[in-house]
Amino acid sequence: MEKMLDTLLEQLFEATNRLEQAVVQQDSDVDEWLEILNEREALIAQMKDTNIVNEALTTGQRQRLSLIDEVNQRLLAAMDSRKQGVQKQLNNVQRSKLAMNSYYDMGPSGYGAFFDRKK
C-alpha cells in the first residue's frame, strides 16, 4: 500500500511539473493543460481511494506533497497571470469592434466623402 502511494505521489509530482512547464510556455495550448489536469485529477482520486490518513504518511511522502503544493501555488499565480492577459486582449478586441461598428453604420454617402456619424 505504501509503495503504491509512493508511485502515485511520484506520478502526481511529474504531472504537476509538466503542467507548470506547459503554463509557463508562452504559446502553450490550453487543451494540453486540460489533459494534464484530468490526469492529475485521476491520480488524486486514486490516492483518495487508498484511504490513507495524513498521520500514516511517511516523512518522504509528506515532503513530496509539500513540493507538489509549492508547485501548485506557482501554477495558480501563473494561470491567473495568463488569464488576465487573455482578458486584456479580449477587452481590446471588443473595444476595437465597438469602435469599428460605430463607423460602419450605413449613412449618407457623398461619393467618396466621409460623413462622421459616430455614436
N, C-alpha and C. Protein backbone atom coordinates (compact mmCIF):
# COMPACT_ATOMS: atom_id res chain seq x y z
N MET A 1 0.83 -1.19 0.00
CA MET A 1 0.00 0.00 0.00
C MET A 1 0.88 1.26 0.00
N GLU A 2 1.94 1.24 0.82
CA GLU A 2 2.83 2.38 0.89
C GLU A 2 3.57 2.58 -0.43
N LYS A 3 3.96 1.47 -1.06
CA LYS A 3 4.67 1.53 -2.34
C LYS A 3 3.76 2.12 -3.42
N MET A 4 2.49 1.73 -3.38
CA MET A 4 1.52 2.24 -4.35
C MET A 4 1.34 3.75 -4.17
N LEU A 5 1.28 4.19 -2.93
CA LEU A 5 1.12 5.62 -2.66
C LEU A 5 2.36 6.39 -3.11
N ASP A 6 3.55 5.82 -2.90
CA ASP A 6 4.77 6.46 -3.39
C ASP A 6 4.74 6.62 -4.90
N THR A 7 4.28 5.60 -5.60
CA THR A 7 4.19 5.65 -7.06
C THR A 7 3.19 6.71 -7.50
N LEU A 8 2.04 6.76 -6.83
CA LEU A 8 1.04 7.76 -7.18
C LEU A 8 1.55 9.18 -6.92
N LEU A 9 2.24 9.36 -5.80
CA LEU A 9 2.80 10.68 -5.49
C LEU A 9 3.84 11.09 -6.53
N GLU A 10 4.66 10.15 -6.95
CA GLU A 10 5.68 10.44 -7.96
C GLU A 10 5.01 10.82 -9.29
N GLN A 11 3.98 10.08 -9.68
CA GLN A 11 3.27 10.40 -10.92
C GLN A 11 2.58 11.76 -10.82
N LEU A 12 2.01 12.06 -9.66
CA LEU A 12 1.37 13.36 -9.45
C LEU A 12 2.40 14.49 -9.53
N PHE A 13 3.56 14.27 -8.95
CA PHE A 13 4.62 15.27 -9.00
C PHE A 13 5.08 15.53 -10.43
N GLU A 14 5.24 14.45 -11.20
CA GLU A 14 5.66 14.59 -12.60
C GLU A 14 4.59 15.31 -13.42
N ALA A 15 3.33 14.96 -13.21
CA ALA A 15 2.24 15.62 -13.94
C ALA A 15 2.16 17.10 -13.57
N THR A 16 2.37 17.40 -12.30
CA THR A 16 2.35 18.79 -11.85
C THR A 16 3.48 19.59 -12.49
N ASN A 17 4.65 19.00 -12.57
CA ASN A 17 5.78 19.67 -13.23
C ASN A 17 5.53 19.88 -14.72
N ARG A 18 4.93 18.89 -15.37
CA ARG A 18 4.60 19.04 -16.80
C ARG A 18 3.59 20.16 -17.00
N LEU A 19 2.63 20.24 -16.08
CA LEU A 19 1.63 21.30 -16.17
C LEU A 19 2.28 22.67 -15.98
N GLU A 20 3.20 22.76 -15.04
CA GLU A 20 3.89 24.03 -14.82
C GLU A 20 4.67 24.45 -16.06
N GLN A 21 5.35 23.50 -16.69
CA GLN A 21 6.10 23.82 -17.90
C GLN A 21 5.17 24.27 -19.03
N ALA A 22 4.02 23.63 -19.14
CA ALA A 22 3.06 24.00 -20.17
C ALA A 22 2.48 25.39 -19.92
N VAL A 23 2.19 25.70 -18.66
CA VAL A 23 1.59 27.00 -18.33
C VAL A 23 2.61 28.13 -18.54
N VAL A 24 3.85 27.89 -18.16
CA VAL A 24 4.88 28.92 -18.28
C VAL A 24 5.22 29.18 -19.75
N GLN A 25 5.08 28.18 -20.59
CA GLN A 25 5.38 28.33 -22.01
C GLN A 25 4.43 29.36 -22.62
N GLN A 26 4.97 30.31 -23.38
CA GLN A 26 4.20 31.44 -23.88
C GLN A 26 3.04 31.04 -24.79
N ASP A 27 3.26 30.16 -25.77
CA ASP A 27 2.22 29.82 -26.75
C ASP A 27 1.59 28.46 -26.47
N SER A 28 1.55 28.05 -25.24
CA SER A 28 1.06 26.71 -24.94
C SER A 28 -0.44 26.60 -25.21
N ASP A 29 -0.85 25.39 -25.54
CA ASP A 29 -2.24 25.11 -25.87
C ASP A 29 -3.00 24.78 -24.58
N VAL A 30 -4.12 25.42 -24.40
CA VAL A 30 -4.92 25.22 -23.20
C VAL A 30 -5.47 23.79 -23.15
N ASP A 31 -5.71 23.19 -24.30
CA ASP A 31 -6.19 21.80 -24.32
C ASP A 31 -5.15 20.86 -23.70
N GLU A 32 -3.89 21.18 -23.90
CA GLU A 32 -2.82 20.39 -23.27
C GLU A 32 -2.91 20.52 -21.75
N TRP A 33 -3.22 21.72 -21.27
CA TRP A 33 -3.39 21.94 -19.83
C TRP A 33 -4.50 21.04 -19.31
N LEU A 34 -5.61 21.02 -20.05
CA LEU A 34 -6.76 20.24 -19.60
C LEU A 34 -6.45 18.75 -19.52
N GLU A 35 -5.69 18.25 -20.48
CA GLU A 35 -5.31 16.83 -20.45
C GLU A 35 -4.50 16.52 -19.20
N ILE A 36 -3.54 17.38 -18.90
CA ILE A 36 -2.70 17.16 -17.72
C ILE A 36 -3.52 17.31 -16.44
N LEU A 37 -4.42 18.30 -16.41
CA LEU A 37 -5.28 18.48 -15.23
C LEU A 37 -6.17 17.26 -15.02
N ASN A 38 -6.71 16.68 -16.10
CA ASN A 38 -7.52 15.47 -15.97
C ASN A 38 -6.69 14.31 -15.45
N GLU A 39 -5.46 14.21 -15.92
CA GLU A 39 -4.57 13.15 -15.45
C GLU A 39 -4.30 13.32 -13.95
N ARG A 40 -4.04 14.55 -13.54
CA ARG A 40 -3.80 14.82 -12.12
C ARG A 40 -5.03 14.50 -11.28
N GLU A 41 -6.20 14.86 -11.79
CA GLU A 41 -7.44 14.58 -11.07
C GLU A 41 -7.63 13.08 -10.87
N ALA A 42 -7.31 12.31 -11.90
CA ALA A 42 -7.43 10.85 -11.79
C ALA A 42 -6.44 10.30 -10.75
N LEU A 43 -5.23 10.84 -10.73
CA LEU A 43 -4.24 10.40 -9.74
C LEU A 43 -4.68 10.74 -8.32
N ILE A 44 -5.24 11.92 -8.15
CA ILE A 44 -5.72 12.32 -6.82
C ILE A 44 -6.87 11.43 -6.37
N ALA A 45 -7.75 11.08 -7.31
CA ALA A 45 -8.86 10.17 -6.98
C ALA A 45 -8.32 8.81 -6.55
N GLN A 46 -7.28 8.32 -7.24
CA GLN A 46 -6.68 7.04 -6.85
C GLN A 46 -6.07 7.14 -5.46
N MET A 47 -5.45 8.28 -5.16
CA MET A 47 -4.85 8.45 -3.84
C MET A 47 -5.92 8.48 -2.76
N LYS A 48 -7.05 9.09 -3.04
CA LYS A 48 -8.15 9.11 -2.07
C LYS A 48 -8.70 7.71 -1.85
N ASP A 49 -8.68 6.88 -2.88
CA ASP A 49 -9.19 5.52 -2.76
C ASP A 49 -8.30 4.65 -1.87
N THR A 50 -7.05 5.06 -1.65
CA THR A 50 -6.16 4.26 -0.80
C THR A 50 -6.52 4.39 0.67
N ASN A 51 -7.33 5.38 1.03
CA ASN A 51 -7.81 5.59 2.40
C ASN A 51 -6.69 5.72 3.42
N ILE A 52 -5.61 6.35 3.05
CA ILE A 52 -4.53 6.59 4.00
C ILE A 52 -4.72 7.99 4.58
N VAL A 53 -4.77 8.07 5.89
CA VAL A 53 -4.93 9.35 6.55
C VAL A 53 -3.58 10.05 6.63
N ASN A 54 -3.62 11.33 6.90
CA ASN A 54 -2.41 12.15 6.91
C ASN A 54 -1.37 11.65 7.91
N GLU A 55 -1.80 11.11 9.03
CA GLU A 55 -0.84 10.65 10.04
C GLU A 55 -0.07 9.42 9.57
N ALA A 56 -0.63 8.67 8.63
CA ALA A 56 0.02 7.44 8.18
C ALA A 56 1.07 7.70 7.09
N LEU A 57 1.21 8.95 6.66
CA LEU A 57 2.19 9.27 5.62
C LEU A 57 3.59 9.28 6.20
N THR A 58 4.53 8.82 5.41
CA THR A 58 5.93 8.87 5.83
C THR A 58 6.46 10.29 5.64
N THR A 59 7.63 10.54 6.17
CA THR A 59 8.25 11.86 6.05
C THR A 59 8.53 12.19 4.59
N GLY A 60 9.00 11.22 3.83
CA GLY A 60 9.27 11.41 2.41
C GLY A 60 8.01 11.74 1.63
N GLN A 61 6.92 11.07 1.99
CA GLN A 61 5.65 11.33 1.31
C GLN A 61 5.14 12.73 1.64
N ARG A 62 5.31 13.13 2.89
CA ARG A 62 4.90 14.48 3.28
C ARG A 62 5.73 15.53 2.54
N GLN A 63 7.03 15.28 2.40
CA GLN A 63 7.89 16.21 1.67
C GLN A 63 7.46 16.30 0.20
N ARG A 64 7.13 15.17 -0.39
CA ARG A 64 6.68 15.15 -1.78
C ARG A 64 5.39 15.95 -1.93
N LEU A 65 4.47 15.77 -1.00
CA LEU A 65 3.22 16.54 -1.03
C LEU A 65 3.48 18.03 -0.85
N SER A 66 4.46 18.36 -0.02
CA SER A 66 4.82 19.76 0.18
C SER A 66 5.37 20.37 -1.11
N LEU A 67 6.21 19.61 -1.81
CA LEU A 67 6.74 20.09 -3.09
C LEU A 67 5.63 20.28 -4.12
N ILE A 68 4.70 19.33 -4.16
CA ILE A 68 3.57 19.44 -5.08
C ILE A 68 2.74 20.68 -4.76
N ASP A 69 2.55 20.94 -3.48
CA ASP A 69 1.78 22.12 -3.07
C ASP A 69 2.49 23.41 -3.48
N GLU A 70 3.81 23.47 -3.35
CA GLU A 70 4.57 24.65 -3.76
C GLU A 70 4.40 24.91 -5.26
N VAL A 71 4.51 23.84 -6.04
CA VAL A 71 4.34 23.97 -7.49
C VAL A 71 2.92 24.42 -7.81
N ASN A 72 1.94 23.87 -7.08
CA ASN A 72 0.54 24.27 -7.29
C ASN A 72 0.34 25.77 -7.04
N GLN A 73 0.98 26.29 -6.00
CA GLN A 73 0.86 27.72 -5.70
C GLN A 73 1.44 28.56 -6.83
N ARG A 74 2.59 28.14 -7.37
CA ARG A 74 3.18 28.86 -8.51
C ARG A 74 2.28 28.74 -9.73
N LEU A 75 1.69 27.57 -9.91
CA LEU A 75 0.79 27.35 -11.05
C LEU A 75 -0.42 28.28 -11.00
N LEU A 76 -1.01 28.39 -9.82
CA LEU A 76 -2.18 29.25 -9.69
C LEU A 76 -1.83 30.70 -10.05
N ALA A 77 -0.68 31.16 -9.60
CA ALA A 77 -0.26 32.53 -9.93
C ALA A 77 -0.01 32.68 -11.43
N ALA A 78 0.65 31.70 -12.04
CA ALA A 78 0.94 31.77 -13.47
C ALA A 78 -0.34 31.69 -14.30
N MET A 79 -1.26 30.82 -13.91
CA MET A 79 -2.52 30.70 -14.63
C MET A 79 -3.34 31.99 -14.51
N ASP A 80 -3.33 32.59 -13.33
CA ASP A 80 -4.06 33.84 -13.13
C ASP A 80 -3.47 34.94 -14.00
N SER A 81 -2.16 34.98 -14.09
CA SER A 81 -1.49 35.97 -14.92
C SER A 81 -1.86 35.79 -16.39
N ARG A 82 -1.84 34.55 -16.86
CA ARG A 82 -2.24 34.27 -18.25
C ARG A 82 -3.70 34.63 -18.49
N LYS A 83 -4.54 34.35 -17.51
CA LYS A 83 -5.97 34.67 -17.61
C LYS A 83 -6.17 36.18 -17.74
N GLN A 84 -5.44 36.95 -16.96
CA GLN A 84 -5.55 38.40 -17.03
C GLN A 84 -5.07 38.93 -18.38
N GLY A 85 -4.01 38.32 -18.92
CA GLY A 85 -3.52 38.72 -20.23
C GLY A 85 -4.54 38.46 -21.32
N VAL A 86 -5.18 37.30 -21.26
CA VAL A 86 -6.20 36.96 -22.25
C VAL A 86 -7.41 37.88 -22.09
N GLN A 87 -7.79 38.18 -20.86
CA GLN A 87 -8.92 39.09 -20.62
C GLN A 87 -8.62 40.48 -21.17
N LYS A 88 -7.38 40.93 -21.01
CA LYS A 88 -6.98 42.24 -21.53
C LYS A 88 -7.07 42.26 -23.06
N GLN A 89 -6.59 41.20 -23.70
CA GLN A 89 -6.68 41.10 -25.16
C GLN A 89 -8.14 41.08 -25.61
N LEU A 90 -8.98 40.34 -24.91
CA LEU A 90 -10.39 40.27 -25.25
C LEU A 90 -11.05 41.64 -25.12
N ASN A 91 -10.72 42.36 -24.06
CA ASN A 91 -11.27 43.70 -23.89
C ASN A 91 -10.83 44.63 -25.02
N ASN A 92 -9.57 44.53 -25.44
CA ASN A 92 -9.08 45.35 -26.55
C ASN A 92 -9.81 45.02 -27.84
N VAL A 93 -10.04 43.76 -28.10
CA VAL A 93 -10.77 43.35 -29.31
C VAL A 93 -12.19 43.86 -29.27
N GLN A 94 -12.83 43.76 -28.12
CA GLN A 94 -14.21 44.25 -28.00
C GLN A 94 -14.28 45.76 -28.20
N ARG A 95 -13.30 46.49 -27.66
CA ARG A 95 -13.27 47.94 -27.85
C ARG A 95 -13.06 48.29 -29.32
N SER A 96 -12.16 47.57 -29.97
CA SER A 96 -11.91 47.81 -31.40
C SER A 96 -13.15 47.51 -32.22
N LYS A 97 -13.81 46.42 -31.90
CA LYS A 97 -15.01 46.03 -32.62
C LYS A 97 -16.10 47.08 -32.43
N LEU A 98 -16.26 47.56 -31.24
CA LEU A 98 -17.26 48.59 -30.95
C LEU A 98 -16.96 49.87 -31.72
N ALA A 99 -15.68 50.26 -31.75
CA ALA A 99 -15.29 51.47 -32.49
C ALA A 99 -15.54 51.30 -33.98
N MET A 100 -15.22 50.12 -34.52
CA MET A 100 -15.43 49.88 -35.95
C MET A 100 -16.92 49.85 -36.28
N ASN A 101 -17.72 49.27 -35.42
CA ASN A 101 -19.16 49.20 -35.67
C ASN A 101 -19.80 50.58 -35.68
N SER A 102 -19.27 51.49 -34.89
CA SER A 102 -19.86 52.83 -34.85
C SER A 102 -19.62 53.57 -36.16
N TYR A 103 -18.59 53.20 -36.91
CA TYR A 103 -18.33 53.83 -38.20
C TYR A 103 -18.93 53.06 -39.38
N TYR A 104 -19.32 51.82 -39.17
CA TYR A 104 -19.83 51.01 -40.27
C TYR A 104 -21.33 51.16 -40.49
N ASP A 105 -22.01 51.88 -39.62
CA ASP A 105 -23.43 52.10 -39.86
C ASP A 105 -23.60 52.80 -41.20
N MET A 106 -24.57 52.31 -41.95
CA MET A 106 -24.79 52.89 -43.27
C MET A 106 -25.41 54.27 -43.11
N GLY A 107 -24.81 55.25 -43.67
CA GLY A 107 -25.31 56.61 -43.61
C GLY A 107 -25.23 57.22 -45.00
N PRO A 108 -25.47 58.48 -45.08
CA PRO A 108 -25.43 59.13 -46.40
C PRO A 108 -24.02 59.08 -46.96
N SER A 109 -23.93 58.81 -48.22
CA SER A 109 -22.65 58.73 -48.88
C SER A 109 -22.52 59.90 -49.84
N GLY A 110 -21.43 60.59 -49.76
CA GLY A 110 -21.19 61.75 -50.62
C GLY A 110 -20.20 61.43 -51.70
N TYR A 111 -20.37 60.31 -52.38
CA TYR A 111 -19.49 59.89 -53.47
C TYR A 111 -18.03 59.88 -53.02
N GLY A 112 -17.78 59.18 -52.01
CA GLY A 112 -16.42 59.03 -51.52
C GLY A 112 -16.12 59.93 -50.35
N ALA A 113 -16.96 60.92 -50.10
CA ALA A 113 -16.74 61.77 -48.93
C ALA A 113 -17.17 60.98 -47.70
N PHE A 114 -16.56 61.28 -46.61
CA PHE A 114 -16.85 60.54 -45.38
C PHE A 114 -17.58 61.46 -44.42
N PHE A 115 -18.77 61.03 -44.03
CA PHE A 115 -19.53 61.78 -43.04
C PHE A 115 -19.41 61.06 -41.71
N ASP A 116 -18.89 61.74 -40.74
CA ASP A 116 -18.68 61.15 -39.42
C ASP A 116 -20.00 61.09 -38.66
N ARG A 117 -20.49 59.89 -38.45
CA ARG A 117 -21.73 59.71 -37.70
C ARG A 117 -21.46 58.84 -36.48
N LYS A 118 -20.36 59.10 -35.84
CA LYS A 118 -20.00 58.31 -34.66
C LYS A 118 -21.04 58.49 -33.58
N LYS A 119 -21.37 57.41 -32.95
CA LYS A 119 -22.38 57.45 -31.89
C LYS A 119 -21.77 57.79 -30.58
